[in-house]
Amino acid sequence: MQYGYKSESLRLEREKLLEEQQRLMLKIEQAYAPARLGSQARKLGLKPLLASQVGTQKVGGASQLPAAPALLNPSASFQR
């Protein structure tokens, strides 16, 4: 009989923990949503890059975008 109560108690606790895990995972997904990140960045005073801040490089005579954008004026993107 004691094992039955313990088993039921553990099952309920597991169910409660799984619900909490789902709630926390949803909260994380909402925090990392692009719209949320954009609004938080604007609150910090960050602004989107301008086309003039991204450079290109010549590879074999052809102009290509670099694998990672090279900032021509990095401090300009952190203006407040």
C-alpha atoms as a PDB file:
ATOM      1  CA  MET A   1       0.000   0.000   0.000  1.00  0.00           C
ATOM      2  CA  GLN A   2       2.831   2.413   0.916  1.00  0.00           C
ATOM      3  CA  TYR A   3       4.469   1.862  -2.476  1.00  0.00           C
ATOM      4  CA  GLY A   4       1.234   2.770  -4.227  1.00  0.00           C
ATOM      5  CA  TYR A   5       1.050   6.147  -2.460  1.00  0.00           C
ATOM      6  CA  LYS A   6       4.722   6.828  -3.135  1.00  0.00           C
ATOM      7  CA  SER A   7       4.328   5.880  -6.791  1.00  0.00           C
ATOM      8  CA  GLU A   8       1.306   8.177  -7.180  1.00  0.00           C
ATOM      9  CA  SER A   9       3.122  11.001  -5.392  1.00  0.00           C
ATOM     10  CA  LEU A  10       6.133  10.645  -7.691  1.00  0.00           C
ATOM     11  CA  ARG A  11       3.896  10.511 -10.771  1.00  0.00           C
ATOM     12  CA  LEU A  12       2.178  13.757  -9.743  1.00  0.00           C
ATOM     13  CA  GLU A  13       5.516  15.427  -9.011  1.00  0.00           C
ATOM     14  CA  ARG A  14       6.862  14.331 -12.410  1.00  0.00           C
ATOM     15  CA  GLU A  15       3.761  15.700 -14.129  1.00  0.00           C
ATOM     16  CA  LYS A  16       4.144  19.014 -12.298  1.00  0.00           C
ATOM     17  CA  LEU A  17       7.835  19.248 -13.231  1.00  0.00           C
ATOM     18  CA  LEU A  18       7.107  18.480 -16.890  1.00  0.00           C
ATOM     19  CA  GLU A  19       4.493  21.260 -16.963  1.00  0.00           C
ATOM     20  CA  GLU A  20       6.992  23.672 -15.409  1.00  0.00           C
ATOM     21  CA  GLN A  21       9.632  22.630 -17.950  1.00  0.00           C
ATOM     22  CA  GLN A  22       7.188  23.325 -20.806  1.00  0.00           C
ATOM     23  CA  ARG A  23       6.347  26.734 -19.327  1.00  0.00           C
ATOM     24  CA  LEU A  24      10.031  27.654 -18.988  1.00  0.00           C
ATOM     25  CA  MET A  25      10.868  26.449 -22.501  1.00  0.00           C
ATOM     26  CA  LEU A  26       8.062  28.609 -23.894  1.00  0.00           C
ATOM     27  CA  LYS A  27       9.399  31.574 -21.934  1.00  0.00           C
ATOM     28  CA  ILE A  28      12.873  31.025 -23.427  1.00  0.00           C
ATOM     29  CA  GLU A  29      11.453  30.770 -26.961  1.00  0.00           C
ATOM     30  CA  GLN A  30       9.540  34.014 -26.465  1.00  0.00           C
ATOM     31  CA  ALA A  31      12.637  35.785 -25.116  1.00  0.00           C
ATOM     32  CA  TYR A  32      14.705  34.772 -28.166  1.00  0.00           C
ATOM     33  CA  ALA A  33      12.030  35.595 -30.758  1.00  0.00           C
ATOM     34  CA  PRO A  34      13.441  37.992 -33.402  1.00  0.00           C
ATOM     35  CA  ALA A  35      10.782  40.638 -32.713  1.00  0.00           C
ATOM     36  CA  ARG A  36      11.565  40.558 -28.992  1.00  0.00           C
ATOM     37  CA  LEU A  37      15.320  40.731 -29.577  1.00  0.00           C
ATOM     38  CA  GLY A  38      14.836  43.676 -31.935  1.00  0.00           C
ATOM     39  CA  SER A  39      12.756  45.629 -29.439  1.00  0.00           C
ATOM     40  CA  GLN A  40      15.237  44.926 -26.639  1.00  0.00           C
ATOM     41  CA  ALA A  41      18.141  46.014 -28.873  1.00  0.00           C
ATOM     42  CA  ARG A  42      16.346  49.297 -29.641  1.00  0.00           C
ATOM     43  CA  LYS A  43      15.793  49.856 -25.906  1.00  0.00           C
ATOM     44  CA  LEU A  44      19.565  49.531 -25.484  1.00  0.00           C
ATOM     45  CA  GLY A  45      20.049  52.120 -28.200  1.00  0.00           C
ATOM     46  CA  LEU A  46      21.325  49.722 -30.856  1.00  0.00           C
ATOM     47  CA  LYS A  47      20.432  50.480 -34.451  1.00  0.00           C
ATOM     48  CA  PRO A  48      20.351  48.285 -37.574  1.00  0.00           C
ATOM     49  CA  LEU A  49      23.426  48.307 -39.785  1.00  0.00           C
ATOM     50  CA  LEU A  50      23.399  50.661 -42.733  1.00  0.00           C
ATOM     51  CA  ALA A  51      24.494  49.402 -46.140  1.00  0.00           C
ATOM     52  CA  SER A  52      27.437  51.816 -45.947  1.00  0.00           C
ATOM     53  CA  GLN A  53      28.716  50.005 -42.844  1.00  0.00           C
ATOM     54  CA  VAL A  54      29.136  46.668 -44.637  1.00  0.00           C
ATOM     55  CA  GLY A  55      32.082  46.217 -46.973  1.00  0.00           C
ATOM     56  CA  THR A  56      32.806  43.825 -49.810  1.00  0.00           C
ATOM     57  CA  GLN A  57      36.045  42.182 -50.799  1.00  0.00           C
ATOM     58  CA  LYS A  58      37.533  41.366 -54.192  1.00  0.00           C
ATOM     59  CA  VAL A  59      38.126  37.670 -54.815  1.00  0.00           C
ATOM     60  CA  GLY A  60      39.561  36.762 -58.182  1.00  0.00           C
ATOM     61  CA  GLY A  61      38.566  40.116 -59.651  1.00  0.00           C
ATOM     62  CA  ALA A  62      34.898  39.738 -58.639  1.00  0.00           C
ATOM     63  CA  SER A  63      33.359  41.632 -55.760  1.00  0.00           C
ATOM     64  CA  GLN A  64      31.846  39.322 -53.143  1.00  0.00           C
ATOM     65  CA  LEU A  65      30.392  39.784 -49.708  1.00  0.00           C
ATOM     66  CA  PRO A  66      32.738  38.458 -47.028  1.00  0.00           C
ATOM     67  CA  ALA A  67      31.783  35.297 -45.126  1.00  0.00           C
ATOM     68  CA  ALA A  68      31.202  37.497 -42.076  1.00  0.00           C
ATOM     69  CA  PRO A  69      30.237  41.145 -42.602  1.00  0.00           C
ATOM     70  CA  ALA A  70      33.177  43.480 -42.067  1.00  0.00           C
ATOM     71  CA  LEU A  71      32.125  46.688 -40.387  1.00  0.00           C
ATOM     72  CA  LEU A  72      33.675  49.748 -41.960  1.00  0.00           C
ATOM     73  CA  ASN A  73      32.791  51.888 -38.955  1.00  0.00           C
ATOM     74  CA  PRO A  74      31.978  49.540 -36.040  1.00  0.00           C
ATOM     75  CA  SER A  75      31.406  52.327 -33.529  1.00  0.00           C
ATOM     76  CA  ALA A  76      28.580  53.716 -35.694  1.00  0.00           C
ATOM     77  CA  SER A  77      26.419  50.682 -34.954  1.00  0.00           C
ATOM     78  CA  PHE A  78      26.667  51.314 -31.207  1.00  0.00           C
ATOM     79  CA  GLN A  79      25.557  54.938 -31.196  1.00  0.00           C
ATOM     80  CA  ARG A  80      23.050  55.778 -28.515  1.00  0.00           C
END
